[in-house]
C-alpha atoms as a PDB file:
ATOM      1  CA  GLU A   1     107.833  41.683 107.640  1.00  0.00           C
ATOM      2  CA  LEU A   2     104.486  42.975 106.188  1.00  0.00           C
ATOM      3  CA  VAL A   3     103.282  43.869 109.759  1.00  0.00           C
ATOM      4  CA  GLU A   4     106.934  45.748 110.883  1.00  0.00           C
ATOM      5  CA  SER A   5     107.163  47.619 107.073  1.00  0.00           C
ATOM      6  CA  ALA A   6     103.268  49.034 108.437  1.00  0.00           C
ATOM      7  CA  SER A   7     105.122  50.381 111.721  1.00  0.00           C
ATOM      8  CA  VAL A   8     107.768  52.019 110.048  1.00  0.00           C
ATOM      9  CA  ALA A   9     105.605  53.222 107.639  1.00  0.00           C
ATOM     10  CA  LYS A  10     103.576  54.977 110.574  1.00  0.00           C
ATOM     11  CA  LYS A  11     106.784  56.161 112.177  1.00  0.00           C
ATOM     12  CA  LYS A  12     107.690  58.355 108.789  1.00  0.00           C
ATOM     13  CA  ARG A  13     104.178  60.281 108.525  1.00  0.00           C
ATOM     14  CA  ASN A  14     104.081  63.325 110.242  1.00  0.00           C
ATOM     15  CA  ARG A  15     100.579  64.488 112.438  1.00  0.00           C
ATOM     16  CA  GLY A  16      99.952  66.778 110.002  1.00  0.00           C
ATOM     17  CA  GLY A  17      99.079  63.532 107.389  1.00  0.00           C
ATOM     18  CA  GLY A  18     102.454  64.319 105.943  1.00  0.00           C
ATOM     19  CA  VAL A  19     105.552  62.260 105.612  1.00  0.00           C
ATOM     20  CA  HIS A  20     108.415  63.302 106.577  1.00  0.00           C
ATOM     21  CA  GLU A  21     110.761  62.679 103.931  1.00  0.00           C
ATOM     22  CA  PRO A  22     109.384  63.714 100.762  1.00  0.00           C
ATOM     23  CA  PHE A  23     109.335  61.761  97.514  1.00  0.00           C
ATOM     24  CA  PRO A  24     112.570  64.134  95.941  1.00  0.00           C
ATOM     25  CA  GLN A  25     114.173  63.383  99.244  1.00  0.00           C
ATOM     26  CA  LYS A  26     113.768  59.641  99.479  1.00  0.00           C
ATOM     27  CA  LEU A  27     114.389  59.789  95.827  1.00  0.00           C
ATOM     28  CA  HIS A  28     117.700  62.069  96.480  1.00  0.00           C
ATOM     29  CA  ARG A  29     119.027  59.133  99.578  1.00  0.00           C
ATOM     30  CA  MET A  30     118.059  55.878  97.005  1.00  0.00           C
ATOM     31  CA  PHE A  31     120.611  57.599  94.959  1.00  0.00           C
ATOM     32  CA  SER A  32     123.089  57.489  97.589  1.00  0.00           C
ATOM     33  CA  ASP A  33     122.693  54.088  99.383  1.00  0.00           C
ATOM     34  CA  LEU A  34     122.809  52.836  95.516  1.00  0.00           C
ATOM     35  CA  GLU A  35     126.047  54.555  95.145  1.00  0.00           C
ATOM     36  CA  LYS A  36     127.944  53.418  98.403  1.00  0.00           C
ATOM     37  CA  GLU A  37     126.251  50.224  98.693  1.00  0.00           C
ATOM     38  CA  GLN A  38     125.075  48.714  95.002  1.00  0.00           C
ATOM     39  CA  PRO A  39     127.230  51.608  92.269  1.00  0.00           C
ATOM     40  CA  GLU A  40     126.630  48.751  89.623  1.00  0.00           C
ATOM     41  CA  ALA A  41     123.394  49.261  90.103  1.00  0.00           C
ATOM     42  CA  LEU A  42     123.526  53.400  88.691  1.00  0.00           C
ATOM     43  CA  THR A  43     124.781  51.670  85.733  1.00  0.00           C
ATOM     44  CA  ASN A  44     123.191  49.203  84.999  1.00  0.00           C
ATOM     45  CA  VAL A  45     119.149  50.076  86.471  1.00  0.00           C
ATOM     46  CA  ILE A  46     119.461  53.534  87.384  1.00  0.00           C
ATOM     47  CA  GLY A  47     121.502  56.195  87.345  1.00  0.00           C
ATOM     48  CA  PHE A  48     122.530  60.059  86.735  1.00  0.00           C
ATOM     49  CA  LEU A  49     123.727  60.818  83.856  1.00  0.00           C
ATOM     50  CA  PRO A  50     126.933  62.032  83.254  1.00  0.00           C
ATOM     51  CA  HIS A  51     126.298  65.927  83.421  1.00  0.00           C
ATOM     52  CA  GLY A  52     124.195  65.097  86.302  1.00  0.00           C
ATOM     53  CA  ARG A  53     120.909  67.404  85.984  1.00  0.00           C
ATOM     54  CA  ALA A  54     119.125  64.108  84.528  1.00  0.00           C
ATOM     55  CA  PHE A  55     118.581  60.839  85.193  1.00  0.00           C
ATOM     56  CA  MET A  56     117.923  57.695  83.553  1.00  0.00           C
ATOM     57  CA  ILE A  57     115.751  54.010  84.381  1.00  0.00           C
ATOM     58  CA  HIS A  58     117.982  51.647  82.250  1.00  0.00           C
ATOM     59  CA  ASN A  59     116.086  48.452  83.435  1.00  0.00           C
ATOM     60  CA  PRO A  60     112.749  48.831  84.726  1.00  0.00           C
ATOM     61  CA  GLN A  61     111.652  45.615  85.570  1.00  0.00           C
ATOM     62  CA  LYS A  62     115.138  45.094  87.670  1.00  0.00           C
ATOM     63  CA  PHE A  63     114.471  48.672  89.070  1.00  0.00           C
ATOM     64  CA  VAL A  64     110.320  48.121  90.144  1.00  0.00           C
ATOM     65  CA  GLU A  65     111.767  44.321  91.496  1.00  0.00           C
ATOM     66  CA  GLU A  66     115.314  45.235  93.423  1.00  0.00           C
ATOM     67  CA  ILE A  67     115.560  48.776  94.526  1.00  0.00           C
ATOM     68  CA  MET A  68     111.981  50.333  94.215  1.00  0.00           C
ATOM     69  CA  PRO A  69     110.207  48.157  97.868  1.00  0.00           C
ATOM     70  CA  LYS A  70     113.381  49.046  99.991  1.00  0.00           C
ATOM     71  CA  TYR A  71     112.571  52.925  99.088  1.00  0.00           C
ATOM     72  CA  PHE A  72     108.804  53.608  98.358  1.00  0.00           C
ATOM     73  CA  ARG A  73     105.550  51.735  99.203  1.00  0.00           C
ATOM     74  CA  MET A  74     104.634  50.959  95.653  1.00  0.00           C
ATOM     75  CA  SER A  75     104.819  48.332  93.558  1.00  0.00           C
ATOM     76  CA  ARG A  76     103.923  49.687  90.063  1.00  0.00           C
ATOM     77  CA  PHE A  77     105.979  51.375  88.260  1.00  0.00           C
ATOM     78  CA  SER A  78     103.088  53.715  86.815  1.00  0.00           C
ATOM     79  CA  SER A  79     102.961  54.642  90.186  1.00  0.00           C
ATOM     80  CA  PHE A  80     106.630  55.774  90.366  1.00  0.00           C
ATOM     81  CA  GLN A  81     106.364  57.869  87.552  1.00  0.00           C
ATOM     82  CA  ARG A  82     102.884  59.707  88.229  1.00  0.00           C
ATOM     83  CA  GLN A  83     104.911  60.760  91.488  1.00  0.00           C
ATOM     84  CA  LEU A  84     107.737  61.963  89.549  1.00  0.00           C
ATOM     85  CA  ASN A  85     104.810  63.739  87.293  1.00  0.00           C
ATOM     86  CA  LEU A  86     103.519  65.416  90.303  1.00  0.00           C
ATOM     87  CA  TYR A  87     107.157  66.641  91.239  1.00  0.00           C
ATOM     88  CA  ASP A  88     106.830  68.195  88.190  1.00  0.00           C
ATOM     89  CA  PHE A  89     110.153  66.064  86.659  1.00  0.00           C
ATOM     90  CA  GLU A  90     110.129  66.604  82.596  1.00  0.00           C
ATOM     91  CA  ARG A  91     110.504  63.147  80.581  1.00  0.00           C
ATOM     92  CA  VAL A  92     113.803  64.309  77.910  1.00  0.00           C
ATOM     93  CA  THR A  93     112.171  63.443  74.262  1.00  0.00           C
ATOM     94  CA  ASP A  94     114.405  64.191  72.410  1.00  0.00           C
ATOM     95  CA  GLY A  95     118.060  63.539  71.764  1.00  0.00           C
ATOM     96  CA  ILE A  96     121.158  61.673  73.603  1.00  0.00           C
ATOM     97  CA  ASP A  97     119.274  62.170  76.726  1.00  0.00           C
ATOM     98  CA  LYS A  98     116.176  60.394  75.158  1.00  0.00           C
ATOM     99  CA  GLY A  99     113.703  58.987  78.045  1.00  0.00           C
ATOM    100  CA  ALA A 100     115.208  60.427  80.963  1.00  0.00           C
ATOM    101  CA  TYR A 101     114.054  62.666  83.997  1.00  0.00           C
ATOM    102  CA  TYR A 102     115.101  66.229  84.607  1.00  0.00           C
ATOM    103  CA  HIS A 103     113.650  68.805  87.523  1.00  0.00           C
ATOM    104  CA  GLU A 104     115.802  71.455  87.318  1.00  0.00           C
ATOM    105  CA  LEU A 105     115.947  71.688  91.584  1.00  0.00           C
ATOM    106  CA  PHE A 106     116.947  67.727  91.055  1.00  0.00           C
ATOM    107  CA  LEU A 107     120.552  67.756  90.583  1.00  0.00           C
ATOM    108  CA  GLN A 108     122.963  65.582  92.034  1.00  0.00           C
ATOM    109  CA  GLY A 109     124.927  65.660  94.872  1.00  0.00           C
ATOM    110  CA  ARG A 110     122.388  68.226  95.680  1.00  0.00           C
ATOM    111  CA  PRO A 111     119.295  66.918  98.120  1.00  0.00           C
ATOM    112  CA  ALA A 112     119.180  70.128  99.755  1.00  0.00           C
ATOM    113  CA  LEU A 113     118.061  71.928  97.057  1.00  0.00           C
ATOM    114  CA  SER A 114     114.834  69.324  95.909  1.00  0.00           C
ATOM    115  CA  MET A 115     113.598  70.578  99.136  1.00  0.00           C
ATOM    116  CA  GLN A 116     112.163  73.601  97.614  1.00  0.00           C
ATOM    117  CA  MET A 117     110.106  70.756  95.177  1.00  0.00           C
ATOM    118  CA  LYS A 118     106.702  71.075  95.348  1.00  0.00           C
ATOM    119  CA  ARG A 119     104.299  68.481  95.146  1.00  0.00           C
ATOM    120  CA  THR A 120     101.428  69.741  92.466  1.00  0.00           C
ATOM    121  CA  LYS A 121      97.932  69.378  94.539  1.00  0.00           C
ATOM    122  CA  ILE A 122      95.854  69.178  91.389  1.00  0.00           C
ATOM    123  CA  LYS A 123      97.292  66.517  87.695  1.00  0.00           C
ATOM    124  CA  GLY A 124      95.912  68.693  84.933  1.00  0.00           C
ATOM    125  CA  ALA A 125      96.865  70.783  81.756  1.00  0.00           C
ATOM    126  CA  ILE A 126      95.641  74.840  83.214  1.00  0.00           C
ATOM    127  CA  ALA A 127      97.878  73.961  86.837  1.00  0.00           C
ATOM    128  CA  HIS A 128     100.415  72.201  85.172  1.00  0.00           C
ATOM    129  CA  CYS A 129     100.870  74.825  82.733  1.00  0.00           C
ATOM    130  CA  SER A 130     100.456  78.411  84.982  1.00  0.00           C
ATOM    131  CA  LYS A 131     103.242  77.063  87.603  1.00  0.00           C
ATOM    132  CA  GLY A 132     105.953  79.497  85.025  1.00  0.00           C
ATOM    133  CA  HIS A 133     108.675  76.244  84.992  1.00  0.00           C
ATOM    134  CA  TYR A 134     110.309  75.534  81.482  1.00  0.00           C
ATOM    135  CA  LYS A 135     108.395  72.966  79.053  1.00  0.00           C
ATOM    136  CA  GLY A 136     110.426  70.819  76.726  1.00  0.00           C
ATOM    137  CA  ALA A 137     113.129  69.372  78.402  1.00  0.00           C
ATOM    138  CA  GLY A 138     113.323  67.561  75.365  1.00  0.00           C
ATOM    139  CA  ALA A 139     114.809  70.555  73.728  1.00  0.00           C
ATOM    140  CA  ILE A 140     117.314  71.314  76.775  1.00  0.00           C
ATOM    141  CA  ASN A 141     121.030  69.775  75.853  1.00  0.00           C
ATOM    142  CA  PHE A 142     122.581  69.458  79.316  1.00  0.00           C
ATOM    143  CA  TYR A 143     125.717  68.458  77.266  1.00  0.00           C
ATOM    144  CA  GLU A 144     126.197  72.692  76.281  1.00  0.00           C
ATOM    145  CA  MET A 145     126.027  73.288  80.152  1.00  0.00           C
ATOM    146  CA  PRO A 146     128.863  72.831  82.312  1.00  0.00           C
ATOM    147  CA  PRO A 147     128.485  69.263  84.448  1.00  0.00           C
ATOM    148  CA  VAL A 148     126.833  69.425  88.038  1.00  0.00           C
ATOM    149  CA  GLN A 149     129.560  69.393  90.944  1.00  0.00           C
ATOM    150  CA  LYS A 150     129.236  68.168  94.274  1.00  0.00           C
ATOM    151  CA  PRO A 151     129.978  70.022  97.091  1.00  0.00           C
ATOM    152  CA  SER A 152     132.553  69.361  98.745  1.00  0.00           C
ATOM    153  CA  LYS A 153     132.260  68.304 102.391  1.00  0.00           C
ATOM    154  CA  ALA A 154     132.611  72.464 103.494  1.00  0.00           C
ATOM    155  CA  THR A 155     129.648  73.199 101.641  1.00  0.00           C
ATOM    156  CA  LYS A 156     127.736  70.076 102.578  1.00  0.00           C
ATOM    157  CA  GLY A 157     124.204  70.805 103.937  1.00  0.00           C
ATOM    158  CA  GLN A 158     124.068  74.214 101.753  1.00  0.00           C
ATOM    159  CA  THR A 159     121.426  75.096  98.607  1.00  0.00           C
ATOM    160  CA  SER A 160     123.818  76.379  95.963  1.00  0.00           C
END
């Protein structure tokens, strides 16, 4: 099984050394698969919040043991959090969604938007703050915004 997963990993790498399915797209695929195959995991382990603009990891231990190995080549929760940080996800620090993760381009049912997300090459305060992204997800009230609408079948694949 270990040999098989190594060969699968090689197939997912492209010639330039990058991966064919970047972390945000893989995260969207995970949510989509869970919705179809294990809907109970979306409420018990990890899932989008009702507004569709942030997601919460309800049970980190179950996430690491049962879900992470199926989608990510990492075994520690801190490694998963590091990927979130490298893609500029914000941790909500206040309010009803405290502990959730948010990115303006990572919305429920809108995987095409996440293709615009860029991975931070150098992690640090200067590089992180100079990007012009909104900082302070703790102050956002997602419930004052309209909920994210999943695209209709006719508009799937578009980024709006």
